[in-house]
Amino acid sequence: MRAKELRDKTADALMTLIEERQDDIVNFRLQQATGIVDNCRRAREARRDIARIKTIMKEREIAAAKGTNK
């Protein structure tokens, strides 16, 4: 997903996306252990998506903190 698409989502939607991506990583590891891997890049993409989502959530926290201090 692109960061622009993620910024349009609510905090609850972002949390569900994180959970989905973490499930994807677990499933990938299980498939890798059994030797049935469809897409080798899926785990990397999921980790990067999680990082993007967490970055956007942190940006929102910082913006909210700056707004309350002023």
N, C-alpha and C. Protein backbone atom coordinates (compact mmCIF):
# COMPACT_ATOMS: atom_id res chain seq x y z
N MET A 1 0.83 -1.18 0.00
CA MET A 1 0.00 0.00 0.00
C MET A 1 0.87 1.24 0.00
N ARG A 2 0.32 2.27 -0.53
CA ARG A 2 1.03 3.54 -0.55
C ARG A 2 0.69 4.34 0.70
N ALA A 3 1.62 5.20 1.10
CA ALA A 3 1.43 6.00 2.31
C ALA A 3 0.23 6.94 2.16
N LYS A 4 0.01 7.43 0.97
CA LYS A 4 -1.11 8.34 0.74
C LYS A 4 -2.43 7.64 1.02
N GLU A 5 -2.55 6.38 0.60
CA GLU A 5 -3.76 5.60 0.86
C GLU A 5 -3.92 5.34 2.35
N LEU A 6 -2.83 5.11 3.04
CA LEU A 6 -2.89 4.81 4.47
C LEU A 6 -3.28 6.04 5.28
N ARG A 7 -2.86 7.21 4.85
CA ARG A 7 -3.18 8.43 5.58
C ARG A 7 -4.67 8.75 5.56
N ASP A 8 -5.38 8.23 4.57
CA ASP A 8 -6.81 8.47 4.48
C ASP A 8 -7.62 7.56 5.41
N LYS A 9 -6.99 6.57 5.99
CA LYS A 9 -7.70 5.60 6.83
C LYS A 9 -7.73 6.06 8.29
N THR A 10 -8.68 5.53 9.03
CA THR A 10 -8.79 5.84 10.46
C THR A 10 -7.79 5.01 11.25
N ALA A 11 -7.66 5.34 12.53
CA ALA A 11 -6.73 4.62 13.40
C ALA A 11 -7.15 3.17 13.57
N ASP A 12 -8.46 2.92 13.67
CA ASP A 12 -8.94 1.55 13.81
C ASP A 12 -8.63 0.72 12.57
N ALA A 13 -8.81 1.33 11.41
CA ALA A 13 -8.53 0.63 10.16
C ALA A 13 -7.04 0.32 10.05
N LEU A 14 -6.21 1.22 10.52
CA LEU A 14 -4.76 0.98 10.48
C LEU A 14 -4.38 -0.17 11.42
N MET A 15 -5.02 -0.23 12.58
CA MET A 15 -4.72 -1.32 13.51
C MET A 15 -5.12 -2.67 12.91
N THR A 16 -6.25 -2.72 12.22
CA THR A 16 -6.66 -3.99 11.60
C THR A 16 -5.70 -4.37 10.48
N LEU A 17 -5.19 -3.37 9.75
CA LEU A 17 -4.21 -3.67 8.70
C LEU A 17 -2.93 -4.23 9.29
N ILE A 18 -2.49 -3.69 10.42
CA ILE A 18 -1.29 -4.21 11.07
C ILE A 18 -1.51 -5.67 11.46
N GLU A 19 -2.66 -5.97 12.03
CA GLU A 19 -2.95 -7.34 12.43
C GLU A 19 -2.97 -8.28 11.22
N GLU A 20 -3.55 -7.82 10.12
CA GLU A 20 -3.59 -8.64 8.91
C GLU A 20 -2.19 -8.90 8.38
N ARG A 21 -1.36 -7.87 8.38
CA ARG A 21 0.01 -8.04 7.87
C ARG A 21 0.82 -8.96 8.77
N GLN A 22 0.61 -8.89 10.08
CA GLN A 22 1.31 -9.78 10.99
C GLN A 22 0.87 -11.23 10.76
N ASP A 23 -0.42 -11.42 10.49
CA ASP A 23 -0.91 -12.76 10.15
C ASP A 23 -0.28 -13.26 8.85
N ASP A 24 -0.10 -12.35 7.89
CA ASP A 24 0.54 -12.72 6.63
C ASP A 24 1.96 -13.21 6.86
N ILE A 25 2.67 -12.54 7.75
CA ILE A 25 4.05 -12.94 8.04
C ILE A 25 4.08 -14.32 8.68
N VAL A 26 3.17 -14.57 9.61
CA VAL A 26 3.11 -15.88 10.27
C VAL A 26 2.80 -16.97 9.25
N ASN A 27 1.82 -16.72 8.39
CA ASN A 27 1.46 -17.70 7.37
C ASN A 27 2.62 -17.95 6.41
N PHE A 28 3.34 -16.90 6.07
CA PHE A 28 4.50 -17.06 5.19
C PHE A 28 5.55 -17.96 5.84
N ARG A 29 5.78 -17.73 7.12
CA ARG A 29 6.78 -18.54 7.82
C ARG A 29 6.36 -20.01 7.88
N LEU A 30 5.06 -20.24 8.07
CA LEU A 30 4.58 -21.62 8.08
C LEU A 30 4.74 -22.26 6.71
N GLN A 31 4.41 -21.52 5.65
CA GLN A 31 4.57 -22.04 4.30
C GLN A 31 6.04 -22.29 3.98
N GLN A 32 6.89 -21.41 4.47
CA GLN A 32 8.32 -21.57 4.22
C GLN A 32 8.85 -22.82 4.93
N ALA A 33 8.33 -23.10 6.11
CA ALA A 33 8.78 -24.28 6.85
C ALA A 33 8.33 -25.57 6.17
N THR A 34 7.15 -25.53 5.55
CA THR A 34 6.66 -26.72 4.88
C THR A 34 7.14 -26.83 3.44
N GLY A 35 7.73 -25.77 2.95
CA GLY A 35 8.27 -25.79 1.59
C GLY A 35 7.29 -25.38 0.52
N ILE A 36 6.18 -24.80 0.89
CA ILE A 36 5.17 -24.38 -0.08
C ILE A 36 5.09 -22.85 -0.07
N VAL A 37 6.01 -22.20 -0.74
CA VAL A 37 6.04 -20.74 -0.77
C VAL A 37 5.61 -20.27 -2.14
N ASP A 38 4.54 -19.49 -2.19
CA ASP A 38 4.06 -18.96 -3.46
C ASP A 38 4.83 -17.72 -3.88
N ASN A 39 4.94 -16.76 -2.95
CA ASN A 39 5.55 -15.48 -3.25
C ASN A 39 6.63 -15.20 -2.21
N CYS A 40 7.87 -15.17 -2.65
CA CYS A 40 8.98 -14.99 -1.72
C CYS A 40 9.07 -13.57 -1.17
N ARG A 41 8.49 -12.62 -1.87
CA ARG A 41 8.57 -11.22 -1.44
C ARG A 41 7.44 -10.81 -0.50
N ARG A 42 6.49 -11.70 -0.27
CA ARG A 42 5.32 -11.35 0.51
C ARG A 42 5.67 -10.94 1.94
N ALA A 43 6.60 -11.61 2.56
CA ALA A 43 6.98 -11.27 3.93
C ALA A 43 7.66 -9.91 3.98
N ARG A 44 8.51 -9.61 3.02
CA ARG A 44 9.18 -8.32 2.98
C ARG A 44 8.18 -7.19 2.78
N GLU A 45 7.23 -7.40 1.88
CA GLU A 45 6.20 -6.39 1.64
C GLU A 45 5.34 -6.17 2.88
N ALA A 46 5.02 -7.24 3.58
CA ALA A 46 4.22 -7.13 4.80
C ALA A 46 4.97 -6.35 5.87
N ARG A 47 6.25 -6.63 6.04
CA ARG A 47 7.04 -5.90 7.04
C ARG A 47 7.12 -4.43 6.70
N ARG A 48 7.28 -4.11 5.44
CA ARG A 48 7.36 -2.71 5.03
C ARG A 48 6.01 -2.01 5.20
N ASP A 49 4.92 -2.72 4.93
CA ASP A 49 3.60 -2.15 5.16
C ASP A 49 3.39 -1.84 6.64
N ILE A 50 3.82 -2.74 7.50
CA ILE A 50 3.70 -2.52 8.94
C ILE A 50 4.50 -1.29 9.34
N ALA A 51 5.69 -1.14 8.81
CA ALA A 51 6.53 0.02 9.13
C ALA A 51 5.86 1.31 8.66
N ARG A 52 5.28 1.30 7.46
CA ARG A 52 4.58 2.48 6.96
C ARG A 52 3.42 2.86 7.86
N ILE A 53 2.64 1.87 8.25
CA ILE A 53 1.47 2.11 9.09
C ILE A 53 1.89 2.68 10.44
N LYS A 54 2.91 2.10 11.04
CA LYS A 54 3.38 2.58 12.34
C LYS A 54 3.94 4.00 12.23
N THR A 55 4.60 4.31 11.12
CA THR A 55 5.12 5.65 10.92
C THR A 55 3.99 6.66 10.85
N ILE A 56 2.95 6.34 10.13
CA ILE A 56 1.81 7.24 10.00
C ILE A 56 1.12 7.42 11.34
N MET A 57 0.98 6.35 12.10
CA MET A 57 0.37 6.46 13.42
C MET A 57 1.20 7.34 14.34
N LYS A 58 2.52 7.23 14.26
CA LYS A 58 3.41 8.05 15.09
C LYS A 58 3.33 9.52 14.67
N GLU A 59 3.23 9.78 13.36
CA GLU A 59 3.07 11.14 12.87
C GLU A 59 1.81 11.77 13.45
N ARG A 60 0.74 10.99 13.49
CA ARG A 60 -0.52 11.49 14.04
C ARG A 60 -0.40 11.78 15.53
N GLU A 61 0.32 10.93 16.26
CA GLU A 61 0.53 11.16 17.69
C GLU A 61 1.30 12.45 17.92
N ILE A 62 2.34 12.66 17.14
CA ILE A 62 3.16 13.86 17.29
C ILE A 62 2.35 15.11 16.95
N ALA A 63 1.55 15.03 15.89
CA ALA A 63 0.72 16.17 15.50
C ALA A 63 -0.30 16.48 16.58
N ALA A 64 -0.87 15.45 17.19
CA ALA A 64 -1.85 15.67 18.26
C ALA A 64 -1.18 16.27 19.50
N ALA A 65 0.03 15.82 19.80
CA ALA A 65 0.74 16.36 20.96
C ALA A 65 1.11 17.82 20.75
N LYS A 66 1.50 18.17 19.56
CA LYS A 66 1.84 19.56 19.27
C LYS A 66 0.60 20.44 19.33
N GLY A 67 -0.51 19.89 18.94
CA GLY A 67 -1.75 20.65 18.95
C GLY A 67 -2.24 20.94 20.36
N THR A 68 -1.99 20.03 21.30
CA THR A 68 -2.45 20.23 22.68
C THR A 68 -1.50 21.12 23.47
N ASN A 69 -0.23 21.19 23.08
CA ASN A 69 0.74 22.01 23.79
C ASN A 69 0.56 23.50 23.51
N LYS A 70 0.05 23.82 22.36
CA LYS A 70 -0.06 25.23 21.99
C LYS A 70 -1.31 25.87 22.48
